[in-house]
Amino acid sequence: SIYFGYVDNIILAALFSFHFTILDIFNSFHHRL
């Protein structure tokens, strides 16, 4: 990308963390039903 590699890694890490957090919330909600 146009950013430095380490910046891309931070962005990707943040996106994956957010993605897995959403999955955890969804799974927790699903198990409550």
N, C-alpha and C. Protein backbone atom coordinates (compact mmCIF):
# COMPACT_ATOMS: atom_id res chain seq x y z
N SER A 1 0.84 -1.19 0.00
CA SER A 1 0.00 0.00 0.00
C SER A 1 0.88 1.24 0.00
N ILE A 2 0.25 2.40 0.04
CA ILE A 2 1.02 3.65 0.03
C ILE A 2 1.64 3.93 1.39
N TYR A 3 1.20 3.19 2.43
CA TYR A 3 1.74 3.40 3.77
C TYR A 3 2.95 2.52 3.98
N PHE A 4 3.69 2.81 5.05
CA PHE A 4 4.81 1.96 5.40
C PHE A 4 4.29 0.60 5.85
N GLY A 5 5.11 -0.42 5.67
CA GLY A 5 4.71 -1.79 6.00
C GLY A 5 4.21 -1.93 7.42
N TYR A 6 4.90 -1.32 8.38
CA TYR A 6 4.49 -1.50 9.78
C TYR A 6 3.15 -0.84 10.06
N VAL A 7 2.85 0.24 9.34
CA VAL A 7 1.55 0.89 9.49
C VAL A 7 0.45 -0.04 8.97
N ASP A 8 0.72 -0.69 7.83
CA ASP A 8 -0.23 -1.65 7.28
C ASP A 8 -0.47 -2.78 8.27
N ASN A 9 0.60 -3.24 8.91
CA ASN A 9 0.46 -4.33 9.88
C ASN A 9 -0.41 -3.92 11.05
N ILE A 10 -0.24 -2.68 11.53
CA ILE A 10 -1.06 -2.18 12.64
C ILE A 10 -2.52 -2.11 12.22
N ILE A 11 -2.77 -1.61 11.01
CA ILE A 11 -4.15 -1.51 10.51
C ILE A 11 -4.76 -2.90 10.37
N LEU A 12 -4.00 -3.84 9.79
CA LEU A 12 -4.51 -5.20 9.64
C LEU A 12 -4.78 -5.83 11.00
N ALA A 13 -3.88 -5.62 11.95
CA ALA A 13 -4.06 -6.17 13.29
C ALA A 13 -5.33 -5.60 13.93
N ALA A 14 -5.55 -4.30 13.75
CA ALA A 14 -6.74 -3.66 14.31
C ALA A 14 -8.00 -4.21 13.65
N LEU A 15 -7.97 -4.39 12.33
CA LEU A 15 -9.13 -4.92 11.62
C LEU A 15 -9.44 -6.34 12.06
N PHE A 16 -8.39 -7.18 12.18
CA PHE A 16 -8.61 -8.56 12.61
C PHE A 16 -9.11 -8.60 14.05
N SER A 17 -8.57 -7.74 14.91
CA SER A 17 -9.03 -7.70 16.30
C SER A 17 -10.50 -7.32 16.35
N PHE A 18 -10.89 -6.31 15.57
CA PHE A 18 -12.27 -5.87 15.52
C PHE A 18 -13.16 -6.97 14.97
N HIS A 19 -12.70 -7.63 13.91
CA HIS A 19 -13.46 -8.71 13.28
C HIS A 19 -13.72 -9.84 14.27
N PHE A 20 -12.67 -10.27 14.97
CA PHE A 20 -12.83 -11.37 15.92
C PHE A 20 -13.64 -10.94 17.13
N THR A 21 -13.57 -9.68 17.49
CA THR A 21 -14.40 -9.18 18.60
C THR A 21 -15.87 -9.26 18.21
N ILE A 22 -16.18 -8.88 16.98
CA ILE A 22 -17.56 -8.97 16.49
C ILE A 22 -18.01 -10.42 16.50
N LEU A 23 -17.15 -11.34 16.06
CA LEU A 23 -17.50 -12.76 16.05
C LEU A 23 -17.76 -13.25 17.47
N ASP A 24 -16.93 -12.84 18.42
CA ASP A 24 -17.11 -13.25 19.82
C ASP A 24 -18.44 -12.75 20.36
N ILE A 25 -18.77 -11.50 20.07
CA ILE A 25 -20.05 -10.93 20.52
C ILE A 25 -21.20 -11.68 19.87
N PHE A 26 -21.10 -11.94 18.57
CA PHE A 26 -22.15 -12.66 17.87
C PHE A 26 -22.33 -14.06 18.44
N ASN A 27 -21.21 -14.75 18.67
CA ASN A 27 -21.27 -16.11 19.22
C ASN A 27 -21.88 -16.10 20.62
N SER A 28 -21.50 -15.14 21.44
CA SER A 28 -22.05 -15.04 22.79
C SER A 28 -23.55 -14.81 22.73
N PHE A 29 -23.98 -13.92 21.84
CA PHE A 29 -25.39 -13.63 21.68
C PHE A 29 -26.14 -14.86 21.18
N HIS A 30 -25.52 -15.56 20.22
CA HIS A 30 -26.15 -16.74 19.63
C HIS A 30 -26.34 -17.83 20.69
N HIS A 31 -25.35 -18.01 21.55
CA HIS A 31 -25.45 -19.05 22.57
C HIS A 31 -26.50 -18.72 23.62
N ARG A 32 -26.83 -17.45 23.75
CA ARG A 32 -27.85 -17.06 24.74
C ARG A 32 -29.25 -17.40 24.27
N LEU A 33 -29.44 -17.55 22.95
CA LEU A 33 -30.77 -17.80 22.41
C LEU A 33 -31.20 -19.25 22.66
